[in-house]
Amino acid sequence: MVSNWLHPNPLFGLHKSPARGFFVDFVEQDATIVKYIMQVSKITEVTIFESPDGGRTVYARRPGSKDRELHWQDPNLQRELAELEQQKRWVDIFQARRDHAELDRLCEQVEIMYELSRKNI
């Protein structure tokens, strides 16, 4: 644990990493943001790694710059985002069926097919 003089605010912590860099974690707008600072060769050559989602997506930027580049992304993240988008689309379809008779008829058929497939499992 790092001594209190490095992080007087309890929401902020500065920790030494095994790779001779530091990482900073703090709470910002109800979300935990982890910032990784890696020392390259001199103190003037620093890259800041930021993850807005707990490490599933990591961006890199230079100190003082707001421009950041995607450094790494969890390979499963894109698949999960596509599945969430598909689920949202189905919700939209089922809400739109109230105004469209043909869509309502097709949704009823999908519901019947779904129930029949569940009984065969």
PDB file of N, CA and C in Angstrom:
ATOM      1  N   MET A   1       0.846  -1.171   0.000  1.00  0.00           N
ATOM      2  CA  MET A   1       0.000   0.000   0.000  1.00  0.00           C
ATOM      3  C   MET A   1       0.891   1.234   0.000  1.00  0.00           C
ATOM      4  N   VAL A   2       0.502   2.244  -0.718  1.00  0.00           N
ATOM      5  CA  VAL A   2       1.259   3.484  -0.814  1.00  0.00           C
ATOM      6  C   VAL A   2       0.891   4.359   0.375  1.00  0.00           C
ATOM      7  N   SER A   3       1.839   5.115   0.870  1.00  0.00           N
ATOM      8  CA  SER A   3       1.582   5.942   2.051  1.00  0.00           C
ATOM      9  C   SER A   3       0.538   7.006   1.749  1.00  0.00           C
ATOM     10  N   ASN A   4      -0.126   7.510   2.801  1.00  0.00           N
ATOM     11  CA  ASN A   4      -1.237   8.438   2.646  1.00  0.00           C
ATOM     12  C   ASN A   4      -0.842   9.758   2.007  1.00  0.00           C
ATOM     13  N   TRP A   5       0.403  10.177   2.099  1.00  0.00           N
ATOM     14  CA  TRP A   5       0.772  11.465   1.517  1.00  0.00           C
ATOM     15  C   TRP A   5       0.648  11.460  -0.003  1.00  0.00           C
ATOM     16  N   LEU A   6       0.642  10.284  -0.641  1.00  0.00           N
ATOM     17  CA  LEU A   6       0.475  10.220  -2.092  1.00  0.00           C
ATOM     18  C   LEU A   6      -0.985  10.323  -2.509  1.00  0.00           C
ATOM     19  N   HIS A   7      -1.900   9.977  -1.639  1.00  0.00           N
ATOM     20  CA  HIS A   7      -3.318  10.033  -1.987  1.00  0.00           C
ATOM     21  C   HIS A   7      -4.159  10.393  -0.764  1.00  0.00           C
ATOM     22  N   PRO A   8      -4.223  11.690  -0.442  1.00  0.00           N
ATOM     23  CA  PRO A   8      -4.990  12.097   0.724  1.00  0.00           C
ATOM     24  C   PRO A   8      -6.486  11.868   0.567  1.00  0.00           C
ATOM     25  N   ASN A   9      -6.995  11.841  -0.643  1.00  0.00           N
ATOM     26  CA  ASN A   9      -8.416  11.609  -0.887  1.00  0.00           C
ATOM     27  C   ASN A   9      -8.667  10.099  -0.897  1.00  0.00           C
ATOM     28  N   PRO A  10      -9.610   9.599  -0.087  1.00  0.00           N
ATOM     29  CA  PRO A  10      -9.830   8.146  -0.047  1.00  0.00           C
ATOM     30  C   PRO A  10     -10.384   7.578  -1.354  1.00  0.00           C
ATOM     31  N   LEU A  11     -10.911   8.429  -2.254  1.00  0.00           N
ATOM     32  CA  LEU A  11     -11.420   7.942  -3.537  1.00  0.00           C
ATOM     33  C   LEU A  11     -10.314   7.797  -4.573  1.00  0.00           C
ATOM     34  N   PHE A  12      -9.095   8.142  -4.202  1.00  0.00           N
ATOM     35  CA  PHE A  12      -7.981   8.154  -5.141  1.00  0.00           C
ATOM     36  C   PHE A  12      -6.874   7.280  -4.595  1.00  0.00           C
ATOM     37  N   GLY A  13      -6.321   6.419  -5.404  1.00  0.00           N
ATOM     38  CA  GLY A  13      -5.213   5.582  -4.958  1.00  0.00           C
ATOM     39  C   GLY A  13      -4.124   5.542  -6.005  1.00  0.00           C
ATOM     40  N   LEU A  14      -2.874   5.550  -5.575  1.00  0.00           N
ATOM     41  CA  LEU A  14      -1.731   5.449  -6.472  1.00  0.00           C
ATOM     42  C   LEU A  14      -0.973   4.209  -6.044  1.00  0.00           C
ATOM     43  N   HIS A  15      -0.795   3.277  -6.950  1.00  0.00           N
ATOM     44  CA  HIS A  15      -0.193   1.994  -6.619  1.00  0.00           C
ATOM     45  C   HIS A  15       0.954   1.720  -7.569  1.00  0.00           C
ATOM     46  N   LYS A  16       2.009   1.104  -7.084  1.00  0.00           N
ATOM     47  CA  LYS A  16       3.154   0.721  -7.906  1.00  0.00           C
ATOM     48  C   LYS A  16       2.835  -0.616  -8.556  1.00  0.00           C
ATOM     49  N   SER A  17       3.045  -0.702  -9.851  1.00  0.00           N
ATOM     50  CA  SER A  17       2.806  -1.960 -10.555  1.00  0.00           C
ATOM     51  C   SER A  17       4.098  -2.754 -10.647  1.00  0.00           C
ATOM     52  N   PRO A  18       4.003  -4.067 -10.898  1.00  0.00           N
ATOM     53  CA  PRO A  18       5.220  -4.873 -11.024  1.00  0.00           C
ATOM     54  C   PRO A  18       6.077  -4.467 -12.217  1.00  0.00           C
ATOM     55  N   ALA A  19       5.492  -3.774 -13.196  1.00  0.00           N
ATOM     56  CA  ALA A  19       6.225  -3.404 -14.408  1.00  0.00           C
ATOM     57  C   ALA A  19       6.865  -2.022 -14.288  1.00  0.00           C
ATOM     58  N   ARG A  20       7.114  -1.549 -13.075  1.00  0.00           N
ATOM     59  CA  ARG A  20       7.759  -0.278 -12.801  1.00  0.00           C
ATOM     60  C   ARG A  20       6.930   0.916 -13.227  1.00  0.00           C
ATOM     61  N   GLY A  21       5.670   0.729 -13.494  1.00  0.00           N
ATOM     62  CA  GLY A  21       4.785   1.844 -13.791  1.00  0.00           C
ATOM     63  C   GLY A  21       3.884   2.060 -12.596  1.00  0.00           C
ATOM     64  N   PHE A  22       3.009   2.985 -12.700  1.00  0.00           N
ATOM     65  CA  PHE A  22       2.040   3.239 -11.657  1.00  0.00           C
ATOM     66  C   PHE A  22       0.657   3.113 -12.251  1.00  0.00           C
ATOM     67  N   PHE A  23      -0.301   2.752 -11.425  1.00  0.00           N
ATOM     68  CA  PHE A  23      -1.659   2.892 -11.890  1.00  0.00           C
ATOM     69  C   PHE A  23      -2.465   3.630 -10.846  1.00  0.00           C
ATOM     70  N   VAL A  24      -3.397   4.410 -11.334  1.00  0.00           N
ATOM     71  CA  VAL A  24      -4.204   5.274 -10.499  1.00  0.00           C
ATOM     72  C   VAL A  24      -5.646   4.826 -10.646  1.00  0.00           C
ATOM     73  N   ASP A  25      -6.335   4.687  -9.530  1.00  0.00           N
ATOM     74  CA  ASP A  25      -7.752   4.393  -9.636  1.00  0.00           C
ATOM     75  C   ASP A  25      -8.527   5.382  -8.782  1.00  0.00           C
ATOM     76  N   PHE A  26      -9.661   5.816  -9.287  1.00  0.00           N
ATOM     77  CA  PHE A  26     -10.506   6.740  -8.553  1.00  0.00           C
ATOM     78  C   PHE A  26     -11.923   6.648  -9.094  1.00  0.00           C
ATOM     79  N   VAL A  27     -12.857   7.207  -8.362  1.00  0.00           N
ATOM     80  CA  VAL A  27     -14.254   7.183  -8.772  1.00  0.00           C
ATOM     81  C   VAL A  27     -14.594   8.526  -9.390  1.00  0.00           C
ATOM     82  N   GLU A  28     -15.167   8.494 -10.589  1.00  0.00           N
ATOM     83  CA  GLU A  28     -15.556   9.717 -11.288  1.00  0.00           C
ATOM     84  C   GLU A  28     -16.958   9.514 -11.832  1.00  0.00           C
ATOM     85  N   GLN A  29     -17.907  10.286 -11.373  1.00  0.00           N
ATOM     86  CA  GLN A  29     -19.303  10.232 -11.813  1.00  0.00           C
ATOM     87  C   GLN A  29     -19.858   8.820 -11.697  1.00  0.00           C
ATOM     88  N   ASP A  30     -19.750   8.241 -10.525  1.00  0.00           N
ATOM     89  CA  ASP A  30     -20.291   6.925 -10.199  1.00  0.00           C
ATOM     90  C   ASP A  30     -19.711   5.788 -11.029  1.00  0.00           C
ATOM     91  N   ALA A  31     -18.584   5.984 -11.677  1.00  0.00           N
ATOM     92  CA  ALA A  31     -17.942   4.911 -12.430  1.00  0.00           C
ATOM     93  C   ALA A  31     -16.477   4.867 -12.022  1.00  0.00           C
ATOM     94  N   THR A  32     -15.969   3.682 -11.807  1.00  0.00           N
ATOM     95  CA  THR A  32     -14.568   3.546 -11.453  1.00  0.00           C
ATOM     96  C   THR A  32     -13.741   3.623 -12.728  1.00  0.00           C
ATOM     97  N   ILE A  33     -12.806   4.521 -12.752  1.00  0.00           N
ATOM     98  CA  ILE A  33     -11.924   4.685 -13.906  1.00  0.00           C
ATOM     99  C   ILE A  33     -10.521   4.323 -13.454  1.00  0.00           C
ATOM    100  N   VAL A  34      -9.893   3.459 -14.216  1.00  0.00           N
ATOM    101  CA  VAL A  34      -8.538   3.045 -13.884  1.00  0.00           C
ATOM    102  C   VAL A  34      -7.616   3.636 -14.937  1.00  0.00           C
ATOM    103  N   LYS A  35      -6.614   4.372 -14.491  1.00  0.00           N
ATOM    104  CA  LYS A  35      -5.644   4.960 -15.413  1.00  0.00           C
ATOM    105  C   LYS A  35      -4.294   4.314 -15.148  1.00  0.00           C
ATOM    106  N   TYR A  36      -3.691   3.803 -16.176  1.00  0.00           N
ATOM    107  CA  TYR A  36      -2.383   3.179 -16.069  1.00  0.00           C
ATOM    108  C   TYR A  36      -1.353   4.133 -16.654  1.00  0.00           C
ATOM    109  N   ILE A  37      -0.293   4.382 -15.915  1.00  0.00           N
ATOM    110  CA  ILE A  37       0.778   5.252 -16.371  1.00  0.00           C
ATOM    111  C   ILE A  37       2.038   4.389 -16.447  1.00  0.00           C
ATOM    112  N   MET A  38       2.543   4.202 -17.633  1.00  0.00           N
ATOM    113  CA  MET A  38       3.736   3.379 -17.823  1.00  0.00           C
ATOM    114  C   MET A  38       4.928   4.293 -18.082  1.00  0.00           C
ATOM    115  N   GLN A  39       6.010   4.056 -17.390  1.00  0.00           N
ATOM    116  CA  GLN A  39       7.239   4.800 -17.614  1.00  0.00           C
ATOM    117  C   GLN A  39       8.046   4.064 -18.670  1.00  0.00           C
ATOM    118  N   VAL A  40       8.410   4.779 -19.738  1.00  0.00           N
ATOM    119  CA  VAL A  40       9.123   4.138 -20.838  1.00  0.00           C
ATOM    120  C   VAL A  40      10.616   4.132 -20.554  1.00  0.00           C
ATOM    121  N   SER A  41      11.279   5.261 -20.636  1.00  0.00           N
ATOM    122  CA  SER A  41      12.699   5.286 -20.308  1.00  0.00           C
ATOM    123  C   SER A  41      13.040   6.483 -19.437  1.00  0.00           C
ATOM    124  N   LYS A  42      12.346   7.596 -19.617  1.00  0.00           N
ATOM    125  CA  LYS A  42      12.567   8.778 -18.801  1.00  0.00           C
ATOM    126  C   LYS A  42      11.214   9.242 -18.292  1.00  0.00           C
ATOM    127  N   ILE A  43      11.243  10.092 -17.319  1.00  0.00           N
ATOM    128  CA  ILE A  43      10.005  10.615 -16.768  1.00  0.00           C
ATOM    129  C   ILE A  43       9.241  11.438 -17.804  1.00  0.00           C
ATOM    130  N   THR A  44       9.929  11.964 -18.824  1.00  0.00           N
ATOM    131  CA  THR A  44       9.272  12.773 -19.849  1.00  0.00           C
ATOM    132  C   THR A  44       8.574  11.911 -20.900  1.00  0.00           C
ATOM    133  N   GLU A  45       8.875  10.631 -20.945  1.00  0.00           N
ATOM    134  CA  GLU A  45       8.256   9.731 -21.915  1.00  0.00           C
ATOM    135  C   GLU A  45       7.225   8.873 -21.205  1.00  0.00           C
ATOM    136  N   VAL A  46       6.019   9.396 -21.076  1.00  0.00           N
ATOM    137  CA  VAL A  46       4.970   8.706 -20.344  1.00  0.00           C
ATOM    138  C   VAL A  46       3.782   8.491 -21.272  1.00  0.00           C
ATOM    139  N   THR A  47       3.192   7.336 -21.194  1.00  0.00           N
ATOM    140  CA  THR A  47       1.951   7.044 -21.886  1.00  0.00           C
ATOM    141  C   THR A  47       0.904   6.751 -20.831  1.00  0.00           C
ATOM    142  N   ILE A  48      -0.248   7.355 -20.979  1.00  0.00           N
ATOM    143  CA  ILE A  48      -1.342   7.126 -20.044  1.00  0.00           C
ATOM    144  C   ILE A  48      -2.327   6.174 -20.704  1.00  0.00           C
ATOM    145  N   PHE A  49      -2.629   5.091 -20.011  1.00  0.00           N
ATOM    146  CA  PHE A  49      -3.608   4.117 -20.478  1.00  0.00           C
ATOM    147  C   PHE A  49      -4.868   4.300 -19.649  1.00  0.00           C
ATOM    148  N   GLU A  50      -6.007   4.515 -20.326  1.00  0.00           N
ATOM    149  CA  GLU A  50      -7.272   4.749 -19.643  1.00  0.00           C
ATOM    150  C   GLU A  50      -8.292   3.703 -20.071  1.00  0.00           C
ATOM    151  N   SER A  51      -9.101   3.281 -19.122  1.00  0.00           N
ATOM    152  CA  SER A  51     -10.163   2.334 -19.407  1.00  0.00           C
ATOM    153  C   SER A  51     -11.458   2.819 -18.766  1.00  0.00           C
ATOM    154  N   PRO A  52     -12.429   3.233 -19.582  1.00  0.00           N
ATOM    155  CA  PRO A  52     -13.689   3.706 -19.019  1.00  0.00           C
ATOM    156  C   PRO A  52     -14.611   2.583 -18.569  1.00  0.00           C
ATOM    157  N   ASP A  53     -14.264   1.338 -18.884  1.00  0.00           N
ATOM    158  CA  ASP A  53     -15.163   0.228 -18.587  1.00  0.00           C
ATOM    159  C   ASP A  53     -14.487  -0.895 -17.806  1.00  0.00           C
ATOM    160  N   GLY A  54     -13.566  -0.534 -16.934  1.00  0.00           N
ATOM    161  CA  GLY A  54     -12.953  -1.531 -16.063  1.00  0.00           C
ATOM    162  C   GLY A  54     -11.950  -2.445 -16.736  1.00  0.00           C
ATOM    163  N   GLY A  55     -11.401  -2.044 -17.865  1.00  0.00           N
ATOM    164  CA  GLY A  55     -10.357  -2.824 -18.516  1.00  0.00           C
ATOM    165  C   GLY A  55     -10.797  -3.571 -19.763  1.00  0.00           C
ATOM    166  N   ARG A  56     -12.071  -3.493 -20.132  1.00  0.00           N
ATOM    167  CA  ARG A  56     -12.532  -4.193 -21.334  1.00  0.00           C
ATOM    168  C   ARG A  56     -12.118  -3.451 -22.593  1.00  0.00           C
ATOM    169  N   THR A  57     -11.955  -2.138 -22.496  1.00  0.00           N
ATOM    170  CA  THR A  57     -11.451  -1.307 -23.580  1.00  0.00           C
ATOM    171  C   THR A  57     -10.363  -0.424 -22.980  1.00  0.00           C
ATOM    172  N   VAL A  58      -9.191  -0.369 -23.611  1.00  0.00           N
ATOM    173  CA  VAL A  58      -8.081   0.427 -23.088  1.00  0.00           C
ATOM    174  C   VAL A  58      -7.626   1.396 -24.172  1.00  0.00           C
ATOM    175  N   TYR A  59      -7.560   2.672 -23.799  1.00  0.00           N
ATOM    176  CA  TYR A  59      -7.089   3.723 -24.691  1.00  0.00           C
ATOM    177  C   TYR A  59      -5.742   4.234 -24.200  1.00  0.00           C
ATOM    178  N   ALA A  60      -4.919   4.706 -25.136  1.00  0.00           N
ATOM    179  CA  ALA A  60      -3.607   5.266 -24.798  1.00  0.00           C
ATOM    180  C   ALA A  60      -3.563   6.717 -25.255  1.00  0.00           C
ATOM    181  N   ARG A  61      -2.911   7.553 -24.450  1.00  0.00           N
ATOM    182  CA  ARG A  61      -2.717   8.953 -24.821  1.00  0.00           C
ATOM    183  C   ARG A  61      -1.471   9.489 -24.132  1.00  0.00           C
ATOM    184  N   ARG A  62      -0.963  10.596 -24.631  1.00  0.00           N
ATOM    185  CA  ARG A  62       0.182  11.283 -24.033  1.00  0.00           C
ATOM    186  C   ARG A  62      -0.334  12.263 -22.976  1.00  0.00           C
ATOM    187  N   PRO A  63       0.447  12.527 -21.945  1.00  0.00           N
ATOM    188  CA  PRO A  63       0.027  13.505 -20.942  1.00  0.00           C
ATOM    189  C   PRO A  63      -0.257  14.866 -21.582  1.00  0.00           C
ATOM    190  N   GLY A  64      -1.337  15.502 -21.161  1.00  0.00           N
ATOM    191  CA  GLY A  64      -1.714  16.810 -21.679  1.00  0.00           C
ATOM    192  C   GLY A  64      -2.515  16.761 -22.960  1.00  0.00           C
ATOM    193  N   SER A  65      -2.649  15.588 -23.556  1.00  0.00           N
ATOM    194  CA  SER A  65      -3.395  15.447 -24.799  1.00  0.00           C
ATOM    195  C   SER A  65      -4.761  14.824 -24.515  1.00  0.00           C
ATOM    196  N   LYS A  66      -5.756  15.285 -25.250  1.00  0.00           N
ATOM    197  CA  LYS A  66      -7.077  14.669 -25.140  1.00  0.00           C
ATOM    198  C   LYS A  66      -7.285  13.641 -26.244  1.00  0.00           C
ATOM    199  N   ASP A  67      -6.387  13.617 -27.226  1.00  0.00           N
ATOM    200  CA  ASP A  67      -6.474  12.648 -28.313  1.00  0.00           C
ATOM    201  C   ASP A  67      -6.010  11.293 -27.809  1.00  0.00           C
ATOM    202  N   ARG A  68      -6.841  10.298 -27.956  1.00  0.00           N
ATOM    203  CA  ARG A  68      -6.462   8.968 -27.489  1.00  0.00           C
ATOM    204  C   ARG A  68      -6.705   7.947 -28.592  1.00  0.00           C
ATOM    205  N   GLU A  69      -5.952   6.880 -28.534  1.00  0.00           N
ATOM    206  CA  GLU A  69      -6.050   5.809 -29.524  1.00  0.00           C
ATOM    207  C   GLU A  69      -6.465   4.528 -28.816  1.00  0.00           C
ATOM    208  N   LEU A  70      -7.219   3.708 -29.514  1.00  0.00           N
ATOM    209  CA  LEU A  70      -7.589   2.412 -28.970  1.00  0.00           C
ATOM    210  C   LEU A  70      -6.330   1.564 -28.863  1.00  0.00           C
ATOM    211  N   HIS A  71      -6.027   1.107 -27.667  1.00  0.00           N
ATOM    212  CA  HIS A  71      -4.834   0.299 -27.428  1.00  0.00           C
ATOM    213  C   HIS A  71      -5.181  -1.190 -27.402  1.00  0.00           C
ATOM    214  N   TRP A  72      -6.308  -1.531 -26.769  1.00  0.00           N
ATOM    215  CA  TRP A  72      -6.720  -2.929 -26.650  1.00  0.00           C
ATOM    216  C   TRP A  72      -8.214  -2.987 -26.382  1.00  0.00           C
ATOM    217  N   GLN A  73      -8.859  -4.033 -26.887  1.00  0.00           N
ATOM    218  CA  GLN A  73     -10.278  -4.233 -26.615  1.00  0.00           C
ATOM    219  C   GLN A  73     -10.539  -5.721 -26.410  1.00  0.00           C
ATOM    220  N   ASP A  74     -11.338  -6.025 -25.401  1.00  0.00           N
ATOM    221  CA  ASP A  74     -11.728  -7.399 -25.112  1.00  0.00           C
ATOM    222  C   ASP A  74     -12.370  -7.986 -26.369  1.00  0.00           C
ATOM    223  N   PRO A  75     -11.877  -9.127 -26.868  1.00  0.00           N
ATOM    224  CA  PRO A  75     -12.412  -9.705 -28.095  1.00  0.00           C
ATOM    225  C   PRO A  75     -13.894 -10.062 -27.995  1.00  0.00           C
ATOM    226  N   ASN A  76     -14.383 -10.343 -26.818  1.00  0.00           N
ATOM    227  CA  ASN A  76     -15.794 -10.696 -26.655  1.00  0.00           C
ATOM    228  C   ASN A  76     -16.701  -9.475 -26.608  1.00  0.00           C
ATOM    229  N   LEU A  77     -16.134  -8.283 -26.445  1.00  0.00           N
ATOM    230  CA  LEU A  77     -16.938  -7.085 -26.269  1.00  0.00           C
ATOM    231  C   LEU A  77     -17.793  -6.787 -27.501  1.00  0.00           C
ATOM    232  N   GLN A  78     -17.236  -6.866 -28.691  1.00  0.00           N
ATOM    233  CA  GLN A  78     -17.999  -6.577 -29.907  1.00  0.00           C
ATOM    234  C   GLN A  78     -19.160  -7.553 -30.077  1.00  0.00           C
ATOM    235  N   ARG A  79     -18.921  -8.825 -29.779  1.00  0.00           N
ATOM    236  CA  ARG A  79     -19.991  -9.822 -29.878  1.00  0.00           C
ATOM    237  C   ARG A  79     -21.102  -9.514 -28.876  1.00  0.00           C
ATOM    238  N   GLU A  80     -20.711  -9.166 -27.650  1.00  0.00           N
ATOM    239  CA  GLU A  80     -21.706  -8.852 -26.618  1.00  0.00           C
ATOM    240  C   GLU A  80     -22.497  -7.599 -26.984  1.00  0.00           C
ATOM    241  N   LEU A  81     -21.824  -6.587 -27.534  1.00  0.00           N
ATOM    242  CA  LEU A  81     -22.522  -5.377 -27.954  1.00  0.00           C
ATOM    243  C   LEU A  81     -23.496  -5.668 -29.093  1.00  0.00           C
ATOM    244  N   ALA A  82     -23.105  -6.540 -30.026  1.00  0.00           N
ATOM    245  CA  ALA A  82     -24.002  -6.912 -31.125  1.00  0.00           C
ATOM    246  C   ALA A  82     -25.222  -7.664 -30.593  1.00  0.00           C
ATOM    247  N   GLU A  83     -25.016  -8.540 -29.613  1.00  0.00           N
ATOM    248  CA  GLU A  83     -26.150  -9.255 -29.017  1.00  0.00           C
ATOM    249  C   GLU A  83     -27.096  -8.298 -28.313  1.00  0.00           C
ATOM    250  N   LEU A  84     -26.555  -7.322 -27.601  1.00  0.00           N
ATOM    251  CA  LEU A  84     -27.403  -6.329 -26.932  1.00  0.00           C
ATOM    252  C   LEU A  84     -28.195  -5.507 -27.941  1.00  0.00           C
ATOM    253  N   GLU A  85     -27.562  -5.152 -29.049  1.00  0.00           N
ATOM    254  CA  GLU A  85     -28.251  -4.399 -30.101  1.00  0.00           C
ATOM    255  C   GLU A  85     -29.383  -5.231 -30.703  1.00  0.00           C
ATOM    256  N   GLN A  86     -29.140  -6.523 -30.887  1.00  0.00           N
ATOM    257  CA  GLN A  86     -30.180  -7.402 -31.425  1.00  0.00           C
ATOM    258  C   GLN A  86     -31.344  -7.523 -30.446  1.00  0.00           C
ATOM    259  N   GLN A  87     -31.060  -7.629 -29.162  1.00  0.00           N
ATOM    260  CA  GLN A  87     -32.130  -7.687 -28.161  1.00  0.00           C
ATOM    261  C   GLN A  87     -32.946  -6.399 -28.165  1.00  0.00           C
ATOM    262  N   LYS A  88     -32.284  -5.266 -28.285  1.00  0.00           N
ATOM    263  CA  LYS A  88     -32.990  -3.985 -28.336  1.00  0.00           C
ATOM    264  C   LYS A  88     -33.884  -3.933 -29.577  1.00  0.00           C
ATOM    265  N   ARG A  89     -33.393  -4.448 -30.692  1.00  0.00           N
ATOM    266  CA  ARG A  89     -34.175  -4.464 -31.930  1.00  0.00           C
ATOM    267  C   ARG A  89     -35.451  -5.282 -31.755  1.00  0.00           C
ATOM    268  N   TRP A  90     -35.349  -6.442 -31.067  1.00  0.00           N
ATOM    269  CA  TRP A  90     -36.540  -7.263 -30.830  1.00  0.00           C
ATOM    270  C   TRP A  90     -37.545  -6.524 -29.949  1.00  0.00           C
ATOM    271  N   VAL A  91     -37.076  -5.796 -28.959  1.00  0.00           N
ATOM    272  CA  VAL A  91     -37.981  -4.989 -28.123  1.00  0.00           C
ATOM    273  C   VAL A  91     -38.685  -3.954 -28.991  1.00  0.00           C
ATOM    274  N   ASP A  92     -37.936  -3.285 -29.868  1.00  0.00           N
ATOM    275  CA  ASP A  92     -38.523  -2.285 -30.764  1.00  0.00           C
ATOM    276  C   ASP A  92     -39.568  -2.913 -31.684  1.00  0.00           C
ATOM    277  N   ILE A  93     -39.271  -4.109 -32.198  1.00  0.00           N
ATOM    278  CA  ILE A  93     -40.219  -4.806 -33.084  1.00  0.00           C
ATOM    279  C   ILE A  93     -41.503  -5.122 -32.335  1.00  0.00           C
ATOM    280  N   PHE A  94     -41.375  -5.649 -31.135  1.00  0.00           N
ATOM    281  CA  PHE A  94     -42.576  -6.016 -30.385  1.00  0.00           C
ATOM    282  C   PHE A  94     -43.374  -4.802 -29.946  1.00  0.00           C
ATOM    283  N   GLN A  95     -42.720  -3.660 -29.754  1.00  0.00           N
ATOM    284  CA  GLN A  95     -43.457  -2.438 -29.447  1.00  0.00           C
ATOM    285  C   GLN A  95     -44.147  -1.881 -30.695  1.00  0.00           C
ATOM    286  N   ALA A  96     -43.517  -2.018 -31.853  1.00  0.00           N
ATOM    287  CA  ALA A  96     -44.075  -1.496 -33.103  1.00  0.00           C
ATOM    288  C   ALA A  96     -45.251  -2.327 -33.602  1.00  0.00           C
ATOM    289  N   ARG A  97     -45.394  -3.536 -33.114  1.00  0.00           N
ATOM    290  CA  ARG A  97     -46.464  -4.408 -33.608  1.00  0.00           C
ATOM    291  C   ARG A  97     -47.842  -3.854 -33.272  1.00  0.00           C
ATOM    292  N   ARG A  98     -47.945  -3.007 -32.279  1.00  0.00           N
ATOM    293  CA  ARG A  98     -49.243  -2.417 -31.920  1.00  0.00           C
ATOM    294  C   ARG A  98     -49.831  -1.595 -33.059  1.00  0.00           C
ATOM    295  N   ASP A  99     -48.979  -0.998 -33.869  1.00  0.00           N
ATOM    296  CA  ASP A  99     -49.424  -0.103 -34.944  1.00  0.00           C
ATOM    297  C   ASP A  99     -49.443  -0.758 -36.324  1.00  0.00           C
ATOM    298  N   HIS A 100     -48.995  -2.011 -36.413  1.00  0.00           N
ATOM    299  CA  HIS A 100     -48.901  -2.676 -37.726  1.00  0.00           C
ATOM    300  C   HIS A 100     -49.519  -4.070 -37.636  1.00  0.00           C
ATOM    301  N   ALA A 101     -50.639  -4.252 -38.323  1.00  0.00           N
ATOM    302  CA  ALA A 101     -51.376  -5.519 -38.251  1.00  0.00           C
ATOM    303  C   ALA A 101     -50.534  -6.691 -38.764  1.00  0.00           C
ATOM    304  N   GLU A 102     -49.841  -6.503 -39.886  1.00  0.00           N
ATOM    305  CA  GLU A 102     -49.036  -7.596 -40.451  1.00  0.00           C
ATOM    306  C   GLU A 102     -47.865  -7.954 -39.532  1.00  0.00           C
ATOM    307  N   LEU A 103     -47.229  -6.955 -38.978  1.00  0.00           N
ATOM    308  CA  LEU A 103     -46.140  -7.194 -38.032  1.00  0.00           C
ATOM    309  C   LEU A 103     -46.653  -7.927 -36.797  1.00  0.00           C
ATOM    310  N   ASP A 104     -47.843  -7.552 -36.328  1.00  0.00           N
ATOM    311  CA  ASP A 104     -48.456  -8.218 -35.181  1.00  0.00           C
ATOM    312  C   ASP A 104     -48.708  -9.694 -35.487  1.00  0.00           C
ATOM    313  N   ARG A 105     -49.219  -9.972 -36.692  1.00  0.00           N
ATOM    314  CA  ARG A 105     -49.483 -11.370 -37.093  1.00  0.00           C
ATOM    315  C   ARG A 105     -48.178 -12.169 -37.128  1.00  0.00           C
ATOM    316  N   LEU A 106     -47.131 -11.580 -37.687  1.00  0.00           N
ATOM    317  CA  LEU A 106     -45.836 -12.272 -37.765  1.00  0.00           C
ATOM    318  C   LEU A 106     -45.242 -12.495 -36.372  1.00  0.00           C
ATOM    319  N   CYS A 107     -45.382 -11.530 -35.487  1.00  0.00           N
ATOM    320  CA  CYS A 107     -44.878 -11.690 -34.118  1.00  0.00           C
ATOM    321  C   CYS A 107     -45.613 -12.809 -33.392  1.00  0.00           C
ATOM    322  N   GLU A 108     -46.917 -12.916 -33.621  1.00  0.00           N
ATOM    323  CA  GLU A 108     -47.682 -14.026 -33.022  1.00  0.00           C
ATOM    324  C   GLU A 108     -47.147 -15.369 -33.513  1.00  0.00           C
ATOM    325  N   GLN A 109     -46.811 -15.451 -34.799  1.00  0.00           N
ATOM    326  CA  GLN A 109     -46.255 -16.695 -35.345  1.00  0.00           C
ATOM    327  C   GLN A 109     -44.898 -17.001 -34.716  1.00  0.00           C
ATOM    328  N   VAL A 110     -44.078 -15.981 -34.541  1.00  0.00           N
ATOM    329  CA  VAL A 110     -42.770 -16.176 -33.908  1.00  0.00           C
ATOM    330  C   VAL A 110     -42.951 -16.673 -32.483  1.00  0.00           C
ATOM    331  N   GLU A 111     -43.897 -16.097 -31.755  1.00  0.00           N
ATOM    332  CA  GLU A 111     -44.157 -16.530 -30.379  1.00  0.00           C
ATOM    333  C   GLU A 111     -44.604 -17.992 -30.338  1.00  0.00           C
ATOM    334  N   ILE A 112     -45.465 -18.382 -31.268  1.00  0.00           N
ATOM    335  CA  ILE A 112     -45.935 -19.777 -31.320  1.00  0.00           C
ATOM    336  C   ILE A 112     -44.764 -20.711 -31.616  1.00  0.00           C
ATOM    337  N   MET A 113     -43.940 -20.352 -32.605  1.00  0.00           N
ATOM    338  CA  MET A 113     -42.781 -21.185 -32.948  1.00  0.00           C
ATOM    339  C   MET A 113     -41.824 -21.293 -31.765  1.00  0.00           C
ATOM    340  N   TYR A 114     -41.628 -20.205 -31.053  1.00  0.00           N
ATOM    341  CA  TYR A 114     -40.743 -20.213 -29.895  1.00  0.00           C
ATOM    342  C   TYR A 114     -41.274 -21.154 -28.823  1.00  0.00           C
ATOM    343  N   GLU A 115     -42.563 -21.053 -28.503  1.00  0.00           N
ATOM    344  CA  GLU A 115     -43.151 -21.928 -27.479  1.00  0.00           C
ATOM    345  C   GLU A 115     -43.079 -23.394 -27.894  1.00  0.00           C
ATOM    346  N   LEU A 116     -43.348 -23.687 -29.161  1.00  0.00           N
ATOM    347  CA  LEU A 116     -43.258 -25.064 -29.647  1.00  0.00           C
ATOM    348  C   LEU A 116     -41.815 -25.598 -29.551  1.00  0.00           C
ATOM    349  N   SER A 117     -40.842 -24.752 -29.870  1.00  0.00           N
ATOM    350  CA  SER A 117     -39.444 -25.202 -29.802  1.00  0.00           C
ATOM    351  C   SER A 117     -39.017 -25.454 -28.377  1.00  0.00           C
ATOM    352  N   ARG A 118     -39.559 -24.718 -27.418  1.00  0.00           N
ATOM    353  CA  ARG A 118     -39.229 -24.917 -26.005  1.00  0.00           C
ATOM    354  C   ARG A 118     -39.803 -26.228 -25.488  1.00  0.00           C
ATOM    355  N   LYS A 119     -40.954 -26.632 -26.003  1.00  0.00           N
ATOM    356  CA  LYS A 119     -41.575 -27.889 -25.559  1.00  0.00           C
ATOM    357  C   LYS A 119     -40.822 -29.104 -26.093  1.00  0.00           C
ATOM    358  N   ASN A 120     -40.115 -28.931 -27.200  1.00  0.00           N
ATOM    359  CA  ASN A 120     -39.352 -30.038 -27.779  1.00  0.00           C
ATOM    360  C   ASN A 120     -37.990 -30.204 -27.131  1.00  0.00           C
ATOM    361  N   ILE A 121     -37.593 -29.287 -26.304  1.00  0.00           N
ATOM    362  CA  ILE A 121     -36.256 -29.350 -25.687  1.00  0.00           C
ATOM    363  C   ILE A 121     -36.218 -30.372 -24.581  1.00  0.00           C
TER     364      ILE A 121
END
